[in-house]
């Protein structure tokens, strides 16, 4: 087991206007902050538990917004808070991959 049971990275890349899609233009910053708050509220944060981090480009913006959870290396896309709640409840809490959001 590593330092964290789950390490969650949210792509927050912001491409210049007119270029390809970017995760941050799809609400990634807001939803990363929401996920981090939810993990704290659920008392799941800290060493040996869960860490939610910001990341630069994860090079999958066309599928985005995207996040990846380690150590499982599970990639997800999401649209709203309900998707984030489902990923937290199913993947983080119950250890089940959310197939409908998996990339």
PDB file of N, CA and C in Angstrom:
ATOM      1  N   UNK A   1       0.856  -1.180   0.000  1.00  0.00           N
ATOM      2  CA  UNK A   1       0.000   0.000   0.000  1.00  0.00           C
ATOM      3  C   UNK A   1       0.895   1.234   0.000  1.00  0.00           C
ATOM      4  N   UNK A   2       0.542   2.187  -0.844  1.00  0.00           N
ATOM      5  CA  UNK A   2       1.291   3.426  -0.920  1.00  0.00           C
ATOM      6  C   UNK A   2       0.884   4.384   0.189  1.00  0.00           C
ATOM      7  N   UNK A   3       1.316   5.603   0.058  1.00  0.00           N
ATOM      8  CA  UNK A   3       1.029   6.614   1.066  1.00  0.00           C
ATOM      9  C   UNK A   3      -0.464   6.902   1.165  1.00  0.00           C
ATOM     10  N   UNK A   4      -1.162   6.844   0.013  1.00  0.00           N
ATOM     11  CA  UNK A   4      -2.611   7.033  -0.018  1.00  0.00           C
ATOM     12  C   UNK A   4      -3.276   5.766  -0.543  1.00  0.00           C
ATOM     13  N   UNK A   5      -4.434   5.470  -0.029  1.00  0.00           N
ATOM     14  CA  UNK A   5      -5.210   4.345  -0.548  1.00  0.00           C
ATOM     15  C   UNK A   5      -5.681   4.665  -1.964  1.00  0.00           C
ATOM     16  N   UNK A   6      -6.128   5.910  -2.166  1.00  0.00           N
ATOM     17  CA  UNK A   6      -6.531   6.387  -3.489  1.00  0.00           C
ATOM     18  C   UNK A   6      -5.938   7.770  -3.698  1.00  0.00           C
ATOM     19  N   UNK A   7      -5.363   7.988  -4.851  1.00  0.00           N
ATOM     20  CA  UNK A   7      -4.836   9.298  -5.226  1.00  0.00           C
ATOM     21  C   UNK A   7      -5.575   9.706  -6.491  1.00  0.00           C
ATOM     22  N   UNK A   8      -6.318  10.812  -6.415  1.00  0.00           N
ATOM     23  CA  UNK A   8      -7.203  11.258  -7.483  1.00  0.00           C
ATOM     24  C   UNK A   8      -6.630  12.507  -8.132  1.00  0.00           C
ATOM     25  N   UNK A   9      -6.468  12.465  -9.447  1.00  0.00           N
ATOM     26  CA  UNK A   9      -5.950  13.609 -10.190  1.00  0.00           C
ATOM     27  C   UNK A   9      -7.008  14.110 -11.159  1.00  0.00           C
ATOM     28  N   UNK A  10      -7.311  15.404 -11.076  1.00  0.00           N
ATOM     29  CA  UNK A  10      -8.229  16.065 -11.994  1.00  0.00           C
ATOM     30  C   UNK A  10      -7.429  16.906 -12.972  1.00  0.00           C
ATOM     31  N   UNK A  11      -7.611  16.675 -14.259  1.00  0.00           N
ATOM     32  CA  UNK A  11      -6.993  17.539 -15.259  1.00  0.00           C
ATOM     33  C   UNK A  11      -7.664  18.905 -15.188  1.00  0.00           C
ATOM     34  N   UNK A  12      -6.863  19.953 -15.009  1.00  0.00           N
ATOM     35  CA  UNK A  12      -7.385  21.323 -14.986  1.00  0.00           C
ATOM     36  C   UNK A  12      -6.787  22.150 -16.124  1.00  0.00           C
ATOM     37  N   UNK A  13      -6.339  21.463 -17.152  1.00  0.00           N
ATOM     38  CA  UNK A  13      -5.698  22.150 -18.269  1.00  0.00           C
ATOM     39  C   UNK A  13      -6.646  23.148 -18.930  1.00  0.00           C
ATOM     40  N   UNK A  14      -6.095  24.292 -19.287  1.00  0.00           N
ATOM     41  CA  UNK A  14      -6.852  25.352 -19.972  1.00  0.00           C
ATOM     42  C   UNK A  14      -6.133  25.681 -21.269  1.00  0.00           C
ATOM     43  N   UNK A  15      -6.690  25.251 -22.372  1.00  0.00           N
ATOM     44  CA  UNK A  15      -6.113  25.559 -23.683  1.00  0.00           C
ATOM     45  C   UNK A  15      -6.599  26.940 -24.136  1.00  0.00           C
ATOM     46  N   UNK A  16      -5.820  27.598 -24.967  1.00  0.00           N
ATOM     47  CA  UNK A  16      -6.263  28.892 -25.493  1.00  0.00           C
ATOM     48  C   UNK A  16      -7.565  28.746 -26.281  1.00  0.00           C
ATOM     49  N   UNK A  17      -8.375  29.775 -26.226  1.00  0.00           N
ATOM     50  CA  UNK A  17      -9.639  29.796 -26.966  1.00  0.00           C
ATOM     51  C   UNK A  17      -9.382  29.489 -28.432  1.00  0.00           C
ATOM     52  N   UNK A  18     -10.231  28.676 -29.016  1.00  0.00           N
ATOM     53  CA  UNK A  18     -10.083  28.328 -30.418  1.00  0.00           C
ATOM     54  C   UNK A  18      -9.320  27.045 -30.662  1.00  0.00           C
ATOM     55  N   UNK A  19      -8.596  26.576 -29.645  1.00  0.00           N
ATOM     56  CA  UNK A  19      -7.895  25.301 -29.774  1.00  0.00           C
ATOM     57  C   UNK A  19      -8.829  24.179 -29.355  1.00  0.00           C
ATOM     58  N   UNK A  20      -8.294  22.976 -29.300  1.00  0.00           N
ATOM     59  CA  UNK A  20      -9.084  21.810 -28.905  1.00  0.00           C
ATOM     60  C   UNK A  20      -9.757  22.044 -27.558  1.00  0.00           C
ATOM     61  N   UNK A  21     -10.706  21.196 -27.266  1.00  0.00           N
ATOM     62  CA  UNK A  21     -11.388  21.235 -25.972  1.00  0.00           C
ATOM     63  C   UNK A  21     -10.372  21.131 -24.849  1.00  0.00           C
ATOM     64  N   UNK A  22     -10.673  21.748 -23.724  1.00  0.00           N
ATOM     65  CA  UNK A  22      -9.829  21.574 -22.539  1.00  0.00           C
ATOM     66  C   UNK A  22     -10.722  21.284 -21.341  1.00  0.00           C
ATOM     67  N   UNK A  23     -10.186  20.522 -20.414  1.00  0.00           N
ATOM     68  CA  UNK A  23     -10.962  20.090 -19.256  1.00  0.00           C
ATOM     69  C   UNK A  23     -11.477  21.261 -18.430  1.00  0.00           C
ATOM     70  N   UNK A  24     -10.649  22.279 -18.265  1.00  0.00           N
ATOM     71  CA  UNK A  24     -11.066  23.382 -17.411  1.00  0.00           C
ATOM     72  C   UNK A  24     -12.239  24.159 -17.992  1.00  0.00           C
ATOM     73  N   UNK A  25     -12.350  24.208 -19.308  1.00  0.00           N
ATOM     74  CA  UNK A  25     -13.505  24.864 -19.918  1.00  0.00           C
ATOM     75  C   UNK A  25     -14.789  24.075 -19.705  1.00  0.00           C
ATOM     76  N   UNK A  26     -14.663  22.849 -19.222  1.00  0.00           N
ATOM     77  CA  UNK A  26     -15.821  21.982 -18.955  1.00  0.00           C
ATOM     78  C   UNK A  26     -16.147  21.921 -17.464  1.00  0.00           C
ATOM     79  N   UNK A  27     -15.624  22.851 -16.685  1.00  0.00           N
ATOM     80  CA  UNK A  27     -15.946  22.921 -15.263  1.00  0.00           C
ATOM     81  C   UNK A  27     -15.067  22.102 -14.339  1.00  0.00           C
ATOM     82  N   UNK A  28     -13.893  21.697 -14.805  1.00  0.00           N
ATOM     83  CA  UNK A  28     -13.033  20.821 -14.013  1.00  0.00           C
ATOM     84  C   UNK A  28     -12.587  21.449 -12.688  1.00  0.00           C
ATOM     85  N   UNK A  29     -12.247  22.721 -12.683  1.00  0.00           N
ATOM     86  CA  UNK A  29     -11.773  23.357 -11.438  1.00  0.00           C
ATOM     87  C   UNK A  29     -12.842  23.320 -10.356  1.00  0.00           C
ATOM     88  N   UNK A  30     -14.045  23.683 -10.724  1.00  0.00           N
ATOM     89  CA  UNK A  30     -15.152  23.685  -9.764  1.00  0.00           C
ATOM     90  C   UNK A  30     -15.413  22.274  -9.233  1.00  0.00           C
ATOM     91  N   UNK A  31     -15.403  21.290 -10.121  1.00  0.00           N
ATOM     92  CA  UNK A  31     -15.711  19.934  -9.695  1.00  0.00           C
ATOM     93  C   UNK A  31     -14.558  19.275  -8.942  1.00  0.00           C
ATOM     94  N   UNK A  32     -13.327  19.684  -9.210  1.00  0.00           N
ATOM     95  CA  UNK A  32     -12.194  19.196  -8.416  1.00  0.00           C
ATOM     96  C   UNK A  32     -12.316  19.716  -6.988  1.00  0.00           C
ATOM     97  N   UNK A  33     -12.637  20.996  -6.850  1.00  0.00           N
ATOM     98  CA  UNK A  33     -12.814  21.585  -5.517  1.00  0.00           C
ATOM     99  C   UNK A  33     -13.975  20.906  -4.786  1.00  0.00           C
ATOM    100  N   UNK A  34     -15.044  20.629  -5.501  1.00  0.00           N
ATOM    101  CA  UNK A  34     -16.189  19.933  -4.915  1.00  0.00           C
ATOM    102  C   UNK A  34     -15.778  18.541  -4.422  1.00  0.00           C
ATOM    103  N   UNK A  35     -15.046  17.795  -5.250  1.00  0.00           N
ATOM    104  CA  UNK A  35     -14.602  16.449  -4.869  1.00  0.00           C
ATOM    105  C   UNK A  35     -13.717  16.504  -3.629  1.00  0.00           C
ATOM    106  N   UNK A  36     -12.806  17.450  -3.595  1.00  0.00           N
ATOM    107  CA  UNK A  36     -11.911  17.598  -2.442  1.00  0.00           C
ATOM    108  C   UNK A  36     -12.709  17.883  -1.172  1.00  0.00           C
ATOM    109  N   UNK A  37     -13.700  18.770  -1.266  1.00  0.00           N
ATOM    110  CA  UNK A  37     -14.556  19.076  -0.118  1.00  0.00           C
ATOM    111  C   UNK A  37     -15.360  17.858   0.320  1.00  0.00           C
ATOM    112  N   UNK A  38     -15.916  17.119  -0.643  1.00  0.00           N
ATOM    113  CA  UNK A  38     -16.710  15.920  -0.308  1.00  0.00           C
ATOM    114  C   UNK A  38     -15.860  14.888   0.424  1.00  0.00           C
ATOM    115  N   UNK A  39     -14.642  14.686  -0.058  1.00  0.00           N
ATOM    116  CA  UNK A  39     -13.749  13.719   0.581  1.00  0.00           C
ATOM    117  C   UNK A  39     -13.464  14.147   2.024  1.00  0.00           C
ATOM    118  N   UNK A  40     -13.274  15.443   2.247  1.00  0.00           N
ATOM    119  CA  UNK A  40     -13.042  15.942   3.611  1.00  0.00           C
ATOM    120  C   UNK A  40     -14.282  15.771   4.480  1.00  0.00           C
ATOM    121  N   UNK A  41     -15.445  16.107   3.944  1.00  0.00           N
ATOM    122  CA  UNK A  41     -16.700  15.973   4.689  1.00  0.00           C
ATOM    123  C   UNK A  41     -16.933  14.520   5.100  1.00  0.00           C
ATOM    124  N   UNK A  42     -16.601  13.602   4.207  1.00  0.00           N
ATOM    125  CA  UNK A  42     -16.775  12.176   4.485  1.00  0.00           C
ATOM    126  C   UNK A  42     -15.661  11.611   5.365  1.00  0.00           C
ATOM    127  N   UNK A  43     -14.720  12.474   5.756  1.00  0.00           N
ATOM    128  CA  UNK A  43     -13.574  12.087   6.595  1.00  0.00           C
ATOM    129  C   UNK A  43     -12.738  10.980   5.950  1.00  0.00           C
ATOM    130  N   UNK A  44     -12.547  11.132   4.644  1.00  0.00           N
ATOM    131  CA  UNK A  44     -11.763  10.170   3.877  1.00  0.00           C
ATOM    132  C   UNK A  44     -10.401  10.718   3.480  1.00  0.00           C
ATOM    133  N   UNK A  45     -10.086  11.952   3.856  1.00  0.00           N
ATOM    134  CA  UNK A  45      -8.835  12.564   3.409  1.00  0.00           C
ATOM    135  C   UNK A  45      -7.704  12.316   4.387  1.00  0.00           C
ATOM    136  N   UNK A  46      -6.484  12.351   3.856  1.00  0.00           N
ATOM    137  CA  UNK A  46      -5.307  12.253   4.692  1.00  0.00           C
ATOM    138  C   UNK A  46      -4.472  11.030   4.395  1.00  0.00           C
ATOM    139  N   UNK A  47      -3.317  10.938   5.026  1.00  0.00           N
ATOM    140  CA  UNK A  47      -2.417   9.800   4.819  1.00  0.00           C
ATOM    141  C   UNK A  47      -3.131   8.471   5.065  1.00  0.00           C
ATOM    142  N   UNK A  48      -2.893   7.527   4.167  1.00  0.00           N
ATOM    143  CA  UNK A  48      -3.530   6.227   4.277  1.00  0.00           C
ATOM    144  C   UNK A  48      -4.950   6.202   3.771  1.00  0.00           C
ATOM    145  N   UNK A  49      -5.436   7.361   3.347  1.00  0.00           N
ATOM    146  CA  UNK A  49      -6.823   7.458   2.868  1.00  0.00           C
ATOM    147  C   UNK A  49      -6.821   7.978   1.434  1.00  0.00           C
ATOM    148  N   UNK A  50      -7.410   9.163   1.222  1.00  0.00           N
ATOM    149  CA  UNK A  50      -7.602   9.698  -0.130  1.00  0.00           C
ATOM    150  C   UNK A  50      -6.982  11.078  -0.251  1.00  0.00           C
ATOM    151  N   UNK A  51      -6.362  11.320  -1.382  1.00  0.00           N
ATOM    152  CA  UNK A  51      -5.827  12.643  -1.723  1.00  0.00           C
ATOM    153  C   UNK A  51      -6.405  13.039  -3.073  1.00  0.00           C
ATOM    154  N   UNK A  52      -6.974  14.244  -3.163  1.00  0.00           N
ATOM    155  CA  UNK A  52      -7.512  14.787  -4.414  1.00  0.00           C
ATOM    156  C   UNK A  52      -6.594  15.920  -4.844  1.00  0.00           C
ATOM    157  N   UNK A  53      -6.007  15.795  -6.044  1.00  0.00           N
ATOM    158  CA  UNK A  53      -5.047  16.781  -6.540  1.00  0.00           C
ATOM    159  C   UNK A  53      -5.478  17.395  -7.862  1.00  0.00           C
ATOM    160  N   UNK A  54      -4.954  18.597  -8.077  1.00  0.00           N
ATOM    161  CA  UNK A  54      -5.044  19.250  -9.382  1.00  0.00           C
ATOM    162  C   UNK A  54      -3.916  18.706 -10.243  1.00  0.00           C
ATOM    163  N   UNK A  55      -4.177  18.583 -11.527  1.00  0.00           N
ATOM    164  CA  UNK A  55      -3.131  18.147 -12.454  1.00  0.00           C
ATOM    165  C   UNK A  55      -3.151  19.056 -13.673  1.00  0.00           C
ATOM    166  N   UNK A  56      -2.003  19.153 -14.302  1.00  0.00           N
ATOM    167  CA  UNK A  56      -1.938  19.809 -15.597  1.00  0.00           C
ATOM    168  C   UNK A  56      -2.524  18.879 -16.638  1.00  0.00           C
ATOM    169  N   UNK A  57      -2.191  19.101 -17.872  1.00  0.00           N
ATOM    170  CA  UNK A  57      -2.761  18.319 -18.959  1.00  0.00           C
ATOM    171  C   UNK A  57      -2.460  16.829 -18.789  1.00  0.00           C
ATOM    172  N   UNK A  58      -3.508  16.032 -18.842  1.00  0.00           N
ATOM    173  CA  UNK A  58      -3.380  14.575 -18.818  1.00  0.00           C
ATOM    174  C   UNK A  58      -3.515  13.999 -20.225  1.00  0.00           C
ATOM    175  N   UNK A  59      -3.586  14.890 -21.214  1.00  0.00           N
ATOM    176  CA  UNK A  59      -3.578  14.555 -22.638  1.00  0.00           C
ATOM    177  C   UNK A  59      -4.755  13.699 -23.085  1.00  0.00           C
ATOM    178  N   UNK A  60      -5.911  13.903 -22.444  1.00  0.00           N
ATOM    179  CA  UNK A  60      -7.129  13.216 -22.858  1.00  0.00           C
ATOM    180  C   UNK A  60      -8.295  14.204 -22.899  1.00  0.00           C
ATOM    181  N   UNK A  61      -7.994  15.459 -23.161  1.00  0.00           N
ATOM    182  CA  UNK A  61      -9.011  16.511 -23.099  1.00  0.00           C
ATOM    183  C   UNK A  61     -10.207  16.250 -24.021  1.00  0.00           C
ATOM    184  N   UNK A  62      -9.973  15.593 -25.151  1.00  0.00           N
ATOM    185  CA  UNK A  62     -11.072  15.320 -26.077  1.00  0.00           C
ATOM    186  C   UNK A  62     -12.125  14.412 -25.447  1.00  0.00           C
ATOM    187  N   UNK A  63     -11.746  13.698 -24.406  1.00  0.00           N
ATOM    188  CA  UNK A  63     -12.657  12.808 -23.715  1.00  0.00           C
ATOM    189  C   UNK A  63     -13.161  13.436 -22.420  1.00  0.00           C
ATOM    190  N   UNK A  64     -12.821  14.675 -22.215  1.00  0.00           N
ATOM    191  CA  UNK A  64     -12.966  15.307 -20.927  1.00  0.00           C
ATOM    192  C   UNK A  64     -14.263  16.015 -20.666  1.00  0.00           C
ATOM    193  N   UNK A  65     -14.324  16.492 -19.455  1.00  0.00           N
ATOM    194  CA  UNK A  65     -13.232  16.556 -18.507  1.00  0.00           C
ATOM    195  C   UNK A  65     -12.851  15.168 -18.002  1.00  0.00           C
ATOM    196  N   UNK A  66     -11.596  15.029 -17.583  1.00  0.00           N
ATOM    197  CA  UNK A  66     -11.109  13.724 -17.141  1.00  0.00           C
ATOM    198  C   UNK A  66     -10.466  13.793 -15.763  1.00  0.00           C
ATOM    199  N   UNK A  67     -10.506  12.637 -15.114  1.00  0.00           N
ATOM    200  CA  UNK A  67      -9.815  12.429 -13.846  1.00  0.00           C
ATOM    201  C   UNK A  67      -9.295  11.003 -13.868  1.00  0.00           C
ATOM    202  N   UNK A  68      -8.272  10.729 -13.055  1.00  0.00           N
ATOM    203  CA  UNK A  68      -7.727   9.381 -12.949  1.00  0.00           C
ATOM    204  C   UNK A  68      -7.509   9.076 -11.476  1.00  0.00           C
ATOM    205  N   UNK A  69      -7.840   7.842 -11.099  1.00  0.00           N
ATOM    206  CA  UNK A  69      -7.678   7.402  -9.714  1.00  0.00           C
ATOM    207  C   UNK A  69      -6.618   6.314  -9.666  1.00  0.00           C
ATOM    208  N   UNK A  70      -5.609   6.546  -8.843  1.00  0.00           N
ATOM    209  CA  UNK A  70      -4.548   5.573  -8.611  1.00  0.00           C
ATOM    210  C   UNK A  70      -4.702   4.996  -7.210  1.00  0.00           C
ATOM    211  N   UNK A  71      -4.277   3.771  -6.955  1.00  0.00           N
ATOM    212  CA  UNK A  71      -3.357   2.988  -7.770  1.00  0.00           C
ATOM    213  C   UNK A  71      -4.025   2.168  -8.869  1.00  0.00           C
ATOM    214  N   UNK A  72      -5.349   2.207  -8.967  1.00  0.00           N
ATOM    215  CA  UNK A  72      -6.049   1.378  -9.942  1.00  0.00           C
ATOM    216  C   UNK A  72      -5.846   1.824 -11.391  1.00  0.00           C
ATOM    217  N   UNK A  73      -5.400   3.083 -11.577  1.00  0.00           N
ATOM    218  CA  UNK A  73      -5.248   3.664 -12.915  1.00  0.00           C
ATOM    219  C   UNK A  73      -6.576   3.678 -13.660  1.00  0.00           C
ATOM    220  N   UNK A  74      -7.644   4.040 -12.954  1.00  0.00           N
ATOM    221  CA  UNK A  74      -8.979   4.098 -13.550  1.00  0.00           C
ATOM    222  C   UNK A  74      -9.260   5.522 -13.990  1.00  0.00           C
ATOM    223  N   UNK A  75      -9.545   5.681 -15.286  1.00  0.00           N
ATOM    224  CA  UNK A  75      -9.838   6.978 -15.885  1.00  0.00           C
ATOM    225  C   UNK A  75     -11.338   7.168 -15.966  1.00  0.00           C
ATOM    226  N   UNK A  76     -11.783   8.381 -15.601  1.00  0.00           N
ATOM    227  CA  UNK A  76     -13.195   8.720 -15.667  1.00  0.00           C
ATOM    228  C   UNK A  76     -13.391  10.049 -16.383  1.00  0.00           C
ATOM    229  N   UNK A  77     -14.580  10.184 -16.952  1.00  0.00           N
ATOM    230  CA  UNK A  77     -15.083  11.481 -17.370  1.00  0.00           C
ATOM    231  C   UNK A  77     -16.284  11.775 -16.482  1.00  0.00           C
ATOM    232  N   UNK A  78     -16.716  13.010 -16.446  1.00  0.00           N
ATOM    233  CA  UNK A  78     -17.814  13.405 -15.570  1.00  0.00           C
ATOM    234  C   UNK A  78     -18.420  14.684 -16.122  1.00  0.00           C
ATOM    235  N   UNK A  79     -19.653  14.964 -15.689  1.00  0.00           N
ATOM    236  CA  UNK A  79     -20.349  16.169 -16.151  1.00  0.00           C
ATOM    237  C   UNK A  79     -20.691  17.100 -14.996  1.00  0.00           C
ATOM    238  N   UNK A  80     -21.108  16.516 -13.867  1.00  0.00           N
ATOM    239  CA  UNK A  80     -21.654  17.337 -12.795  1.00  0.00           C
ATOM    240  C   UNK A  80     -21.350  16.736 -11.417  1.00  0.00           C
ATOM    241  N   UNK A  81     -21.880  17.378 -10.391  1.00  0.00           N
ATOM    242  CA  UNK A  81     -21.647  16.929  -9.016  1.00  0.00           C
ATOM    243  C   UNK A  81     -22.190  15.527  -8.769  1.00  0.00           C
ATOM    244  N   UNK A  82     -23.297  15.198  -9.427  1.00  0.00           N
ATOM    245  CA  UNK A  82     -23.866  13.864  -9.262  1.00  0.00           C
ATOM    246  C   UNK A  82     -22.891  12.797  -9.749  1.00  0.00           C
ATOM    247  N   UNK A  83     -22.200  13.065 -10.853  1.00  0.00           N
ATOM    248  CA  UNK A  83     -21.188  12.121 -11.340  1.00  0.00           C
ATOM    249  C   UNK A  83     -20.042  11.987 -10.345  1.00  0.00           C
ATOM    250  N   UNK A  84     -19.598  13.112  -9.795  1.00  0.00           N
ATOM    251  CA  UNK A  84     -18.514  13.080  -8.807  1.00  0.00           C
ATOM    252  C   UNK A  84     -18.954  12.301  -7.572  1.00  0.00           C
ATOM    253  N   UNK A  85     -20.174  12.548  -7.106  1.00  0.00           N
ATOM    254  CA  UNK A  85     -20.690  11.804  -5.955  1.00  0.00           C
ATOM    255  C   UNK A  85     -20.719  10.303  -6.239  1.00  0.00           C
ATOM    256  N   UNK A  86     -21.147   9.930  -7.441  1.00  0.00           N
ATOM    257  CA  UNK A  86     -21.204   8.516  -7.802  1.00  0.00           C
ATOM    258  C   UNK A  86     -19.807   7.891  -7.817  1.00  0.00           C
ATOM    259  N   UNK A  87     -18.835   8.603  -8.364  1.00  0.00           N
ATOM    260  CA  UNK A  87     -17.457   8.096  -8.394  1.00  0.00           C
ATOM    261  C   UNK A  87     -16.921   7.941  -6.973  1.00  0.00           C
ATOM    262  N   UNK A  88     -17.165   8.928  -6.122  1.00  0.00           N
ATOM    263  CA  UNK A  88     -16.700   8.841  -4.732  1.00  0.00           C
ATOM    264  C   UNK A  88     -17.382   7.676  -4.020  1.00  0.00           C
ATOM    265  N   UNK A  89     -18.702   7.604  -4.111  1.00  0.00           N
ATOM    266  CA  UNK A  89     -19.442   6.563  -3.390  1.00  0.00           C
ATOM    267  C   UNK A  89     -19.115   5.164  -3.894  1.00  0.00           C
ATOM    268  N   UNK A  90     -19.080   5.003  -5.189  1.00  0.00           N
ATOM    269  CA  UNK A  90     -18.867   3.669  -5.748  1.00  0.00           C
ATOM    270  C   UNK A  90     -17.389   3.271  -5.751  1.00  0.00           C
ATOM    271  N   UNK A  91     -16.548   4.093  -6.352  1.00  0.00           N
ATOM    272  CA  UNK A  91     -15.139   3.710  -6.508  1.00  0.00           C
ATOM    273  C   UNK A  91     -14.352   3.855  -5.202  1.00  0.00           C
ATOM    274  N   UNK A  92     -14.410   5.023  -4.608  1.00  0.00           N
ATOM    275  CA  UNK A  92     -13.585   5.303  -3.431  1.00  0.00           C
ATOM    276  C   UNK A  92     -14.109   4.556  -2.191  1.00  0.00           C
ATOM    277  N   UNK A  93     -15.402   4.660  -1.940  1.00  0.00           N
ATOM    278  CA  UNK A  93     -15.960   4.068  -0.722  1.00  0.00           C
ATOM    279  C   UNK A  93     -16.178   2.562  -0.866  1.00  0.00           C
ATOM    280  N   UNK A  94     -16.766   2.146  -1.995  1.00  0.00           N
ATOM    281  CA  UNK A  94     -17.164   0.744  -2.140  1.00  0.00           C
ATOM    282  C   UNK A  94     -16.256  -0.104  -3.024  1.00  0.00           C
ATOM    283  N   UNK A  95     -15.253   0.515  -3.659  1.00  0.00           N
ATOM    284  CA  UNK A  95     -14.300  -0.249  -4.452  1.00  0.00           C
ATOM    285  C   UNK A  95     -14.838  -0.795  -5.765  1.00  0.00           C
ATOM    286  N   UNK A  96     -15.888  -0.165  -6.291  1.00  0.00           N
ATOM    287  CA  UNK A  96     -16.486  -0.613  -7.550  1.00  0.00           C
ATOM    288  C   UNK A  96     -16.296   0.441  -8.635  1.00  0.00           C
ATOM    289  N   UNK A  97     -15.834   0.022  -9.781  1.00  0.00           N
ATOM    290  CA  UNK A  97     -15.644   0.943 -10.907  1.00  0.00           C
ATOM    291  C   UNK A  97     -17.013   1.385 -11.422  1.00  0.00           C
ATOM    292  N   UNK A  98     -17.117   2.669 -11.737  1.00  0.00           N
ATOM    293  CA  UNK A  98     -18.358   3.216 -12.312  1.00  0.00           C
ATOM    294  C   UNK A  98     -18.224   3.079 -13.831  1.00  0.00           C
ATOM    295  N   UNK A  99     -18.736   1.996 -14.350  1.00  0.00           N
ATOM    296  CA  UNK A  99     -18.554   1.658 -15.770  1.00  0.00           C
ATOM    297  C   UNK A  99     -19.084   2.730 -16.699  1.00  0.00           C
ATOM    298  N   UNK A 100     -20.211   3.356 -16.371  1.00  0.00           N
ATOM    299  CA  UNK A 100     -20.815   4.322 -17.291  1.00  0.00           C
ATOM    300  C   UNK A 100     -19.973   5.585 -17.456  1.00  0.00           C
ATOM    301  N   UNK A 101     -19.067   5.861 -16.514  1.00  0.00           N
ATOM    302  CA  UNK A 101     -18.220   7.052 -16.579  1.00  0.00           C
ATOM    303  C   UNK A 101     -16.767   6.724 -16.907  1.00  0.00           C
ATOM    304  N   UNK A 102     -16.449   5.448 -16.976  1.00  0.00           N
ATOM    305  CA  UNK A 102     -15.065   5.013 -17.228  1.00  0.00           C
ATOM    306  C   UNK A 102     -14.672   5.290 -18.672  1.00  0.00           C
ATOM    307  N   UNK A 103     -13.429   5.728 -18.842  1.00  0.00           N
ATOM    308  CA  UNK A 103     -12.884   5.941 -20.185  1.00  0.00           C
ATOM    309  C   UNK A 103     -12.107   4.710 -20.600  1.00  0.00           C
TER     310      UNK A 103
END
